[in-house]
Amino acid sequence: MLRVSLREQSSVSITIYDALERVVTRPLVGEMESAGEHEASFDTHSLPPGLYSCRLQSTGGAEMVAKMVVMR
């Protein structure tokens, strides 16, 4: 589960990368979201255990990168 807080209405994209910076999935692409708290989820069952990066970008200029670990 990814939690995001937006200051203003924005078009939001979330991209998940593996340790080699390859795109693994895009659970949220170009969705218009209102200001406030939001949650996004995606299925990790098809991903092998390891370290991943989650990158969020919004049209409001916000950008965030977080590290995630998938464990079994």
PDB file of N, CA and C in Angstrom:
ATOM      1  N   MET A   1       0.846  -1.169   0.000  1.00  0.00           N
ATOM      2  CA  MET A   1       0.000   0.000   0.000  1.00  0.00           C
ATOM      3  C   MET A   1       0.894   1.236   0.000  1.00  0.00           C
ATOM      4  N   LEU A   2       0.627   2.142  -0.914  1.00  0.00           N
ATOM      5  CA  LEU A   2       1.349   3.407  -1.002  1.00  0.00           C
ATOM      6  C   LEU A   2       0.417   4.521  -0.560  1.00  0.00           C
ATOM      7  N   ARG A   3       0.882   5.358   0.342  1.00  0.00           N
ATOM      8  CA  ARG A   3       0.071   6.482   0.815  1.00  0.00           C
ATOM      9  C   ARG A   3       0.696   7.770   0.320  1.00  0.00           C
ATOM     10  N   VAL A   4      -0.161   8.647  -0.193  1.00  0.00           N
ATOM     11  CA  VAL A   4       0.291   9.898  -0.802  1.00  0.00           C
ATOM     12  C   VAL A   4      -0.570  11.038  -0.288  1.00  0.00           C
ATOM     13  N   SER A   5       0.051  12.164   0.008  1.00  0.00           N
ATOM     14  CA  SER A   5      -0.671  13.364   0.402  1.00  0.00           C
ATOM     15  C   SER A   5      -0.403  14.442  -0.642  1.00  0.00           C
ATOM     16  N   LEU A   6      -1.466  14.940  -1.270  1.00  0.00           N
ATOM     17  CA  LEU A   6      -1.344  15.969  -2.300  1.00  0.00           C
ATOM     18  C   LEU A   6      -1.833  17.309  -1.770  1.00  0.00           C
ATOM     19  N   ARG A   7      -1.087  18.359  -2.047  1.00  0.00           N
ATOM     20  CA  ARG A   7      -1.476  19.706  -1.608  1.00  0.00           C
ATOM     21  C   ARG A   7      -2.566  20.299  -2.488  1.00  0.00           C
ATOM     22  N   GLU A   8      -2.585  19.872  -3.753  1.00  0.00           N
ATOM     23  CA  GLU A   8      -3.567  20.402  -4.700  1.00  0.00           C
ATOM     24  C   GLU A   8      -3.965  19.316  -5.679  1.00  0.00           C
ATOM     25  N   GLN A   9      -5.065  19.527  -6.399  1.00  0.00           N
ATOM     26  CA  GLN A   9      -5.483  18.561  -7.414  1.00  0.00           C
ATOM     27  C   GLN A   9      -4.379  18.428  -8.448  1.00  0.00           C
ATOM     28  N   SER A  10      -4.011  17.189  -8.763  1.00  0.00           N
ATOM     29  CA  SER A  10      -2.905  16.942  -9.683  1.00  0.00           C
ATOM     30  C   SER A  10      -3.116  15.657 -10.446  1.00  0.00           C
ATOM     31  N   SER A  11      -2.485  15.579 -11.591  1.00  0.00           N
ATOM     32  CA  SER A  11      -2.387  14.329 -12.328  1.00  0.00           C
ATOM     33  C   SER A  11      -1.188  13.585 -11.743  1.00  0.00           C
ATOM     34  N   VAL A  12      -1.401  12.349 -11.318  1.00  0.00           N
ATOM     35  CA  VAL A  12      -0.376  11.603 -10.581  1.00  0.00           C
ATOM     36  C   VAL A  12       0.014  10.334 -11.332  1.00  0.00           C
ATOM     37  N   SER A  13       1.320  10.062 -11.354  1.00  0.00           N
ATOM     38  CA  SER A  13       1.842   8.810 -11.911  1.00  0.00           C
ATOM     39  C   SER A  13       2.760   8.170 -10.887  1.00  0.00           C
ATOM     40  N   ILE A  14       2.623   6.862 -10.736  1.00  0.00           N
ATOM     41  CA  ILE A  14       3.514   6.088  -9.863  1.00  0.00           C
ATOM     42  C   ILE A  14       4.138   4.995 -10.715  1.00  0.00           C
ATOM     43  N   THR A  15       5.462   4.879 -10.624  1.00  0.00           N
ATOM     44  CA  THR A  15       6.199   3.865 -11.375  1.00  0.00           C
ATOM     45  C   THR A  15       7.082   3.094 -10.406  1.00  0.00           C
ATOM     46  N   ILE A  16       7.098   1.770 -10.541  1.00  0.00           N
ATOM     47  CA  ILE A  16       7.938   0.909  -9.708  1.00  0.00           C
ATOM     48  C   ILE A  16       9.098   0.395 -10.557  1.00  0.00           C
ATOM     49  N   TYR A  17      10.315   0.537 -10.019  1.00  0.00           N
ATOM     50  CA  TYR A  17      11.541   0.098 -10.701  1.00  0.00           C
ATOM     51  C   TYR A  17      12.228  -0.994  -9.899  1.00  0.00           C
ATOM     52  N   ASP A  18      12.913  -1.921 -10.598  1.00  0.00           N
ATOM     53  CA  ASP A  18      13.712  -2.918  -9.898  1.00  0.00           C
ATOM     54  C   ASP A  18      15.088  -2.329  -9.569  1.00  0.00           C
ATOM     55  N   ALA A  19      15.966  -3.138  -8.986  1.00  0.00           N
ATOM     56  CA  ALA A  19      17.285  -2.669  -8.560  1.00  0.00           C
ATOM     57  C   ALA A  19      18.158  -2.219  -9.730  1.00  0.00           C
ATOM     58  N   LEU A  20      17.839  -2.664 -10.948  1.00  0.00           N
ATOM     59  CA  LEU A  20      18.597  -2.267 -12.134  1.00  0.00           C
ATOM     60  C   LEU A  20      17.931  -1.097 -12.867  1.00  0.00           C
ATOM     61  N   GLU A  21      16.971  -0.449 -12.195  1.00  0.00           N
ATOM     62  CA  GLU A  21      16.243   0.711 -12.727  1.00  0.00           C
ATOM     63  C   GLU A  21      15.378   0.400 -13.945  1.00  0.00           C
ATOM     64  N   ARG A  22      14.951  -0.864 -14.067  1.00  0.00           N
ATOM     65  CA  ARG A  22      14.002  -1.248 -15.113  1.00  0.00           C
ATOM     66  C   ARG A  22      12.588  -1.055 -14.581  1.00  0.00           C
ATOM     67  N   VAL A  23      11.680  -0.563 -15.442  1.00  0.00           N
ATOM     68  CA  VAL A  23      10.286  -0.387 -15.025  1.00  0.00           C
ATOM     69  C   VAL A  23       9.663  -1.758 -14.818  1.00  0.00           C
ATOM     70  N   VAL A  24       9.094  -1.961 -13.639  1.00  0.00           N
ATOM     71  CA  VAL A  24       8.445  -3.225 -13.296  1.00  0.00           C
ATOM     72  C   VAL A  24       6.936  -3.112 -13.506  1.00  0.00           C
ATOM     73  N   THR A  25       6.357  -2.025 -13.016  1.00  0.00           N
ATOM     74  CA  THR A  25       4.919  -1.806 -13.149  1.00  0.00           C
ATOM     75  C   THR A  25       4.597  -0.331 -12.969  1.00  0.00           C
ATOM     76  N   ARG A  26       3.440   0.047 -13.459  1.00  0.00           N
ATOM     77  CA  ARG A  26       2.926   1.416 -13.277  1.00  0.00           C
ATOM     78  C   ARG A  26       1.499   1.301 -12.739  1.00  0.00           C
ATOM     79  N   PRO A  27       1.369   1.177 -11.404  1.00  0.00           N
ATOM     80  CA  PRO A  27       0.025   0.991 -10.844  1.00  0.00           C
ATOM     81  C   PRO A  27      -0.883   2.200 -10.998  1.00  0.00           C
ATOM     82  N   LEU A  28      -0.318   3.378 -11.228  1.00  0.00           N
ATOM     83  CA  LEU A  28      -1.129   4.582 -11.359  1.00  0.00           C
ATOM     84  C   LEU A  28      -0.453   5.484 -12.385  1.00  0.00           C
ATOM     85  N   VAL A  29      -1.125   5.737 -13.503  1.00  0.00           N
ATOM     86  CA  VAL A  29      -0.537   6.543 -14.571  1.00  0.00           C
ATOM     87  C   VAL A  29      -1.504   7.639 -14.991  1.00  0.00           C
ATOM     88  N   GLY A  30      -1.116   8.887 -14.755  1.00  0.00           N
ATOM     89  CA  GLY A  30      -1.887  10.025 -15.234  1.00  0.00           C
ATOM     90  C   GLY A  30      -3.275  10.177 -14.675  1.00  0.00           C
ATOM     91  N   GLU A  31      -3.517   9.636 -13.505  1.00  0.00           N
ATOM     92  CA  GLU A  31      -4.843   9.750 -12.887  1.00  0.00           C
ATOM     93  C   GLU A  31      -4.981  11.106 -12.200  1.00  0.00           C
ATOM     94  N   MET A  32      -6.089  11.779 -12.414  1.00  0.00           N
ATOM     95  CA  MET A  32      -6.349  13.058 -11.748  1.00  0.00           C
ATOM     96  C   MET A  32      -6.853  12.760 -10.339  1.00  0.00           C
ATOM     97  N   GLU A  33      -6.158  13.308  -9.360  1.00  0.00           N
ATOM     98  CA  GLU A  33      -6.505  13.089  -7.954  1.00  0.00           C
ATOM     99  C   GLU A  33      -6.740  14.431  -7.283  1.00  0.00           C
ATOM    100  N   SER A  34      -7.680  14.476  -6.361  1.00  0.00           N
ATOM    101  CA  SER A  34      -7.978  15.697  -5.616  1.00  0.00           C
ATOM    102  C   SER A  34      -6.937  15.912  -4.526  1.00  0.00           C
ATOM    103  N   ALA A  35      -6.904  17.108  -3.968  1.00  0.00           N
ATOM    104  CA  ALA A  35      -6.010  17.397  -2.847  1.00  0.00           C
ATOM    105  C   ALA A  35      -6.398  16.520  -1.663  1.00  0.00           C
ATOM    106  N   GLY A  36      -5.407  16.138  -0.862  1.00  0.00           N
ATOM    107  CA  GLY A  36      -5.678  15.334   0.327  1.00  0.00           C
ATOM    108  C   GLY A  36      -4.923  14.022   0.318  1.00  0.00           C
ATOM    109  N   GLU A  37      -5.333  13.129   1.209  1.00  0.00           N
ATOM    110  CA  GLU A  37      -4.678  11.833   1.390  1.00  0.00           C
ATOM    111  C   GLU A  37      -5.251  10.796   0.432  1.00  0.00           C
ATOM    112  N   HIS A  38      -4.369   9.985  -0.157  1.00  0.00           N
ATOM    113  CA  HIS A  38      -4.778   8.933  -1.083  1.00  0.00           C
ATOM    114  C   HIS A  38      -3.950   7.682  -0.834  1.00  0.00           C
ATOM    115  N   GLU A  39      -4.503   6.545  -1.220  1.00  0.00           N
ATOM    116  CA  GLU A  39      -3.787   5.273  -1.134  1.00  0.00           C
ATOM    117  C   GLU A  39      -3.828   4.596  -2.495  1.00  0.00           C
ATOM    118  N   ALA A  40      -2.707   3.985  -2.854  1.00  0.00           N
ATOM    119  CA  ALA A  40      -2.637   3.206  -4.089  1.00  0.00           C
ATOM    120  C   ALA A  40      -2.048   1.852  -3.732  1.00  0.00           C
ATOM    121  N   SER A  41      -2.570   0.815  -4.332  1.00  0.00           N
ATOM    122  CA  SER A  41      -2.040  -0.517  -4.068  1.00  0.00           C
ATOM    123  C   SER A  41      -1.693  -1.189  -5.387  1.00  0.00           C
ATOM    124  N   PHE A  42      -0.803  -2.152  -5.311  1.00  0.00           N
ATOM    125  CA  PHE A  42      -0.466  -2.951  -6.478  1.00  0.00           C
ATOM    126  C   PHE A  42      -0.048  -4.333  -6.008  1.00  0.00           C
ATOM    127  N   ASP A  43      -0.152  -5.291  -6.885  1.00  0.00           N
ATOM    128  CA  ASP A  43       0.106  -6.681  -6.557  1.00  0.00           C
ATOM    129  C   ASP A  43       1.600  -6.983  -6.650  1.00  0.00           C
ATOM    130  N   THR A  44       2.198  -7.413  -5.556  1.00  0.00           N
ATOM    131  CA  THR A  44       3.628  -7.754  -5.541  1.00  0.00           C
ATOM    132  C   THR A  44       3.870  -9.253  -5.700  1.00  0.00           C
ATOM    133  N   HIS A  45       2.803 -10.048  -5.839  1.00  0.00           N
ATOM    134  CA  HIS A  45       2.963 -11.499  -5.908  1.00  0.00           C
ATOM    135  C   HIS A  45       3.770 -11.961  -7.117  1.00  0.00           C
ATOM    136  N   SER A  46       3.751 -11.192  -8.194  1.00  0.00           N
ATOM    137  CA  SER A  46       4.505 -11.581  -9.390  1.00  0.00           C
ATOM    138  C   SER A  46       5.960 -11.084  -9.355  1.00  0.00           C
ATOM    139  N   LEU A  47       6.301 -10.294  -8.333  1.00  0.00           N
ATOM    140  CA  LEU A  47       7.664  -9.766  -8.227  1.00  0.00           C
ATOM    141  C   LEU A  47       8.546 -10.691  -7.403  1.00  0.00           C
ATOM    142  N   PRO A  48       9.780 -10.917  -7.849  1.00  0.00           N
ATOM    143  CA  PRO A  48      10.696 -11.695  -7.020  1.00  0.00           C
ATOM    144  C   PRO A  48      11.121 -10.868  -5.800  1.00  0.00           C
ATOM    145  N   PRO A  49      11.519 -11.526  -4.718  1.00  0.00           N
ATOM    146  CA  PRO A  49      11.999 -10.786  -3.554  1.00  0.00           C
ATOM    147  C   PRO A  49      13.165  -9.897  -3.954  1.00  0.00           C
ATOM    148  N   GLY A  50      13.233  -8.724  -3.349  1.00  0.00           N
ATOM    149  CA  GLY A  50      14.335  -7.821  -3.647  1.00  0.00           C
ATOM    150  C   GLY A  50      14.008  -6.381  -3.319  1.00  0.00           C
ATOM    151  N   LEU A  51      14.919  -5.496  -3.720  1.00  0.00           N
ATOM    152  CA  LEU A  51      14.808  -4.070  -3.472  1.00  0.00           C
ATOM    153  C   LEU A  51      14.214  -3.385  -4.699  1.00  0.00           C
ATOM    154  N   TYR A  52      13.248  -2.503  -4.476  1.00  0.00           N
ATOM    155  CA  TYR A  52      12.568  -1.783  -5.547  1.00  0.00           C
ATOM    156  C   TYR A  52      12.495  -0.297  -5.200  1.00  0.00           C
ATOM    157  N   SER A  53      12.341   0.531  -6.219  1.00  0.00           N
ATOM    158  CA  SER A  53      12.138   1.967  -6.027  1.00  0.00           C
ATOM    159  C   SER A  53      10.747   2.325  -6.514  1.00  0.00           C
ATOM    160  N   CYS A  54      10.104   3.200  -5.784  1.00  0.00           N
ATOM    161  CA  CYS A  54       8.781   3.700  -6.149  1.00  0.00           C
ATOM    162  C   CYS A  54       8.931   5.188  -6.419  1.00  0.00           C
ATOM    163  N   ARG A  55       8.560   5.621  -7.623  1.00  0.00           N
ATOM    164  CA  ARG A  55       8.682   7.035  -7.990  1.00  0.00           C
ATOM    165  C   ARG A  55       7.295   7.611  -8.275  1.00  0.00           C
ATOM    166  N   LEU A  56       6.950   8.658  -7.550  1.00  0.00           N
ATOM    167  CA  LEU A  56       5.695   9.358  -7.740  1.00  0.00           C
ATOM    168  C   LEU A  56       5.996  10.707  -8.368  1.00  0.00           C
ATOM    169  N   GLN A  57       5.234  11.057  -9.399  1.00  0.00           N
ATOM    170  CA  GLN A  57       5.349  12.364 -10.036  1.00  0.00           C
ATOM    171  C   GLN A  57       3.956  12.948 -10.186  1.00  0.00           C
ATOM    172  N   SER A  58       3.837  14.267  -9.983  1.00  0.00           N
ATOM    173  CA  SER A  58       2.544  14.922 -10.166  1.00  0.00           C
ATOM    174  C   SER A  58       2.721  16.182 -10.990  1.00  0.00           C
ATOM    175  N   THR A  59       1.628  16.601 -11.623  1.00  0.00           N
ATOM    176  CA  THR A  59       1.668  17.816 -12.433  1.00  0.00           C
ATOM    177  C   THR A  59       1.849  19.052 -11.563  1.00  0.00           C
ATOM    178  N   GLY A  60       1.598  18.917 -10.284  1.00  0.00           N
ATOM    179  CA  GLY A  60       1.800  20.021  -9.347  1.00  0.00           C
ATOM    180  C   GLY A  60       3.264  20.246  -9.027  1.00  0.00           C
ATOM    181  N   GLY A  61       4.156  19.450  -9.626  1.00  0.00           N
ATOM    182  CA  GLY A  61       5.588  19.605  -9.416  1.00  0.00           C
ATOM    183  C   GLY A  61       6.164  18.706  -8.338  1.00  0.00           C
ATOM    184  N   ALA A  62       5.327  17.962  -7.657  1.00  0.00           N
ATOM    185  CA  ALA A  62       5.827  17.077  -6.602  1.00  0.00           C
ATOM    186  C   ALA A  62       6.470  15.842  -7.220  1.00  0.00           C
ATOM    187  N   GLU A  63       7.564  15.425  -6.629  1.00  0.00           N
ATOM    188  CA  GLU A  63       8.229  14.182  -7.031  1.00  0.00           C
ATOM    189  C   GLU A  63       8.790  13.541  -5.779  1.00  0.00           C
ATOM    190  N   MET A  64       8.596  12.232  -5.674  1.00  0.00           N
ATOM    191  CA  MET A  64       9.054  11.490  -4.508  1.00  0.00           C
ATOM    192  C   MET A  64       9.604  10.165  -4.956  1.00  0.00           C
ATOM    193  N   VAL A  65      10.691   9.742  -4.341  1.00  0.00           N
ATOM    194  CA  VAL A  65      11.235   8.404  -4.599  1.00  0.00           C
ATOM    195  C   VAL A  65      11.389   7.718  -3.255  1.00  0.00           C
ATOM    196  N   ALA A  66      10.879   6.501  -3.153  1.00  0.00           N
ATOM    197  CA  ALA A  66      10.985   5.719  -1.921  1.00  0.00           C
ATOM    198  C   ALA A  66      11.486   4.321  -2.264  1.00  0.00           C
ATOM    199  N   LYS A  67      12.229   3.741  -1.355  1.00  0.00           N
ATOM    200  CA  LYS A  67      12.720   2.368  -1.519  1.00  0.00           C
ATOM    201  C   LYS A  67      11.725   1.416  -0.880  1.00  0.00           C
ATOM    202  N   MET A  68      11.560   0.252  -1.509  1.00  0.00           N
ATOM    203  CA  MET A  68      10.671  -0.788  -0.982  1.00  0.00           C
ATOM    204  C   MET A  68      11.402  -2.115  -1.030  1.00  0.00           C
ATOM    205  N   VAL A  69      11.073  -2.983  -0.097  1.00  0.00           N
ATOM    206  CA  VAL A  69      11.628  -4.336  -0.077  1.00  0.00           C
ATOM    207  C   VAL A  69      10.480  -5.315  -0.187  1.00  0.00           C
ATOM    208  N   VAL A  70      10.577  -6.241  -1.150  1.00  0.00           N
ATOM    209  CA  VAL A  70       9.597  -7.318  -1.278  1.00  0.00           C
ATOM    210  C   VAL A  70      10.225  -8.553  -0.668  1.00  0.00           C
ATOM    211  N   MET A  71       9.550  -9.128   0.329  1.00  0.00           N
ATOM    212  CA  MET A  71      10.048 -10.335   1.008  1.00  0.00           C
ATOM    213  C   MET A  71       8.992 -11.411   0.938  1.00  0.00           C
ATOM    214  N   ARG A  72       9.421 -12.637   0.941  1.00  0.00           N
ATOM    215  CA  ARG A  72       8.493 -13.778   0.955  1.00  0.00           C
ATOM    216  C   ARG A  72       8.726 -14.589   2.206  1.00  0.00           C
TER     217      ARG A  72
END
